Amino acid sequence: MRVLIVESDPNLGWLWKRHLERFAADVRLADGQAAAVSFLDLGPVDVIVLDLVLSEGSALAVADYARYRHPTSRIVFVTNTSFFSDGSIFRHIPNACAFLPSATPPEDLAAVVEHYGTTG
């Protein structure tokens, strides 16, 4: 399973990465839109863990690009805000499969990613 984590906080990104690697995932980190798009240019991923609020660029632009380049890639959105808390993210981003708080325990996030990365 190939996973791309797009997270501006390097400590949080590495925490999630370590937990996902326990599921034998090949995990890459990107700190913003430009790095995420560059990685997606190299090939598809099964799941993208995407923070809704990035310090560089737009998460929605990353999601749109992923949908265009790799339509089967699933996106697990994480956020520490109330944006899209009404579930409307699933109407705007067709490949969104989950929407979780950033404070979700990393082992739970890893289980969600593993589920969506192996089904579908």
Protein backbone atom coordinates (compact mmCIF):
# COMPACT_ATOMS: atom_id res chain seq x y z
CA MET A 1 0.00 0.00 0.00
CA ARG A 2 1.40 3.38 -1.05
CA VAL A 3 0.47 6.36 1.13
CA LEU A 4 1.17 10.06 0.81
CA ILE A 5 0.83 12.20 3.93
CA VAL A 6 0.38 15.92 3.26
CA GLU A 7 0.87 17.65 6.61
CA SER A 8 2.50 20.99 7.47
CA ASP A 9 3.45 19.93 11.01
CA PRO A 10 6.51 17.67 10.58
CA ASN A 11 6.13 16.11 14.03
CA LEU A 12 2.56 15.06 13.34
CA GLY A 13 3.47 13.82 9.87
CA TRP A 14 6.28 11.64 11.22
CA LEU A 15 4.04 10.27 13.98
CA TRP A 16 1.43 9.21 11.43
CA LYS A 17 4.14 7.85 9.12
CA ARG A 18 5.58 5.59 11.80
CA HIS A 19 2.16 4.16 12.63
CA LEU A 20 1.32 3.54 8.97
CA GLU A 21 4.62 1.78 8.40
CA ARG A 22 3.51 -0.79 10.99
CA PHE A 23 0.92 -1.85 8.38
CA ALA A 24 3.78 -2.37 5.89
CA ALA A 25 2.80 0.79 4.01
CA ASP A 26 5.24 2.62 1.78
CA VAL A 27 4.75 6.14 3.19
CA ARG A 28 5.98 9.47 1.86
CA LEU A 29 5.63 12.90 3.47
CA ALA A 30 4.88 16.23 1.81
CA ASP A 31 4.68 19.50 3.73
CA GLY A 32 2.46 21.40 1.29
CA GLN A 33 0.79 21.61 -2.09
CA ALA A 34 3.91 21.88 -4.25
CA ALA A 35 5.63 18.88 -2.67
CA ALA A 36 2.42 16.81 -2.82
CA VAL A 37 1.83 17.58 -6.50
CA SER A 38 5.48 16.80 -7.32
CA PHE A 39 5.16 13.43 -5.63
CA LEU A 40 1.85 12.67 -7.39
CA ASP A 41 3.58 13.38 -10.71
CA LEU A 42 5.81 10.35 -10.02
CA GLY A 43 2.93 7.89 -9.86
CA PRO A 44 -0.23 6.86 -8.06
CA VAL A 45 -0.78 6.27 -4.37
CA ASP A 46 -3.51 4.22 -2.75
CA VAL A 47 -4.34 6.71 0.00
CA ILE A 48 -3.57 10.36 0.65
CA VAL A 49 -3.76 11.58 4.24
CA LEU A 50 -4.41 15.27 3.66
CA ASP A 51 -4.60 18.01 6.27
CA LEU A 52 -7.38 20.34 5.24
CA VAL A 53 -5.39 23.42 6.35
CA LEU A 54 -1.88 23.55 4.91
CA SER A 55 0.68 26.26 5.63
CA GLU A 56 1.71 26.22 1.94
CA GLY A 57 -0.88 25.91 -0.77
CA SER A 58 -4.35 24.43 -0.80
CA ALA A 59 -5.52 21.01 0.31
CA LEU A 60 -8.44 21.24 -2.09
CA ALA A 61 -6.03 21.88 -4.97
CA VAL A 62 -4.07 18.76 -3.97
CA ALA A 63 -7.31 16.76 -3.83
CA ASP A 64 -8.40 18.04 -7.27
CA TYR A 65 -5.00 17.25 -8.76
CA ALA A 66 -5.03 13.76 -7.26
CA ARG A 67 -8.52 13.15 -8.64
CA TYR A 68 -7.39 14.22 -12.11
CA ARG A 69 -4.06 12.34 -12.18
CA HIS A 70 -4.97 9.28 -10.10
CA PRO A 71 -8.75 8.88 -9.88
CA THR A 72 -8.54 5.71 -7.80
CA SER A 73 -6.49 7.31 -5.01
CA ARG A 74 -8.57 7.66 -1.84
CA ILE A 75 -8.29 10.73 0.39
CA VAL A 76 -8.51 10.73 4.16
CA PHE A 77 -8.92 14.33 5.27
CA VAL A 78 -7.75 15.40 8.72
CA THR A 79 -8.29 18.78 10.34
CA ASN A 80 -8.25 20.66 13.60
CA THR A 81 -10.93 23.09 12.39
CA SER A 82 -14.68 22.95 11.93
CA PHE A 83 -14.49 23.44 8.13
CA PHE A 84 -16.71 20.90 6.37
CA SER A 85 -17.85 19.45 9.71
CA ASP A 86 -21.28 19.09 8.10
CA GLY A 87 -19.92 16.36 5.81
CA SER A 88 -20.10 18.48 2.66
CA ILE A 89 -16.48 17.60 1.85
CA PHE A 90 -17.82 14.36 0.40
CA ARG A 91 -19.97 16.31 -2.09
CA HIS A 92 -17.04 18.52 -3.15
CA ILE A 93 -14.27 15.91 -3.30
CA PRO A 94 -15.48 12.65 -4.89
CA ASN A 95 -12.46 10.59 -3.80
CA ALA A 96 -12.74 11.64 -0.13
CA CYS A 97 -13.41 8.56 1.95
CA ALA A 98 -12.96 9.79 5.53
CA PHE A 99 -12.86 13.04 7.50
CA LEU A 100 -11.14 12.86 10.88
CA PRO A 101 -9.97 15.28 13.57
CA SER A 102 -6.19 15.82 13.65
CA ALA A 103 -6.29 14.63 17.25
CA THR A 104 -7.46 11.14 16.21
CA PRO A 105 -5.14 8.60 17.85
CA PRO A 106 -2.47 7.68 15.29
CA GLU A 107 -3.24 3.97 15.56
CA ASP A 108 -6.89 4.71 14.66
CA LEU A 109 -5.85 6.86 11.71
CA ALA A 110 -3.54 4.07 10.55
CA ALA A 111 -6.40 1.55 10.77
CA VAL A 112 -8.66 3.80 8.65
CA VAL A 113 -5.92 4.30 6.06
CA GLU A 114 -5.18 0.58 5.99
CA HIS A 115 -8.88 -0.17 5.47
CA TYR A 116 -9.26 2.21 2.54
CA GLY A 117 -5.87 1.34 1.10
CA THR A 118 -6.70 -2.34 0.82
CA THR A 119 -10.33 -2.08 -0.34
CA GLY A 120 -11.75 -0.53 -3.29
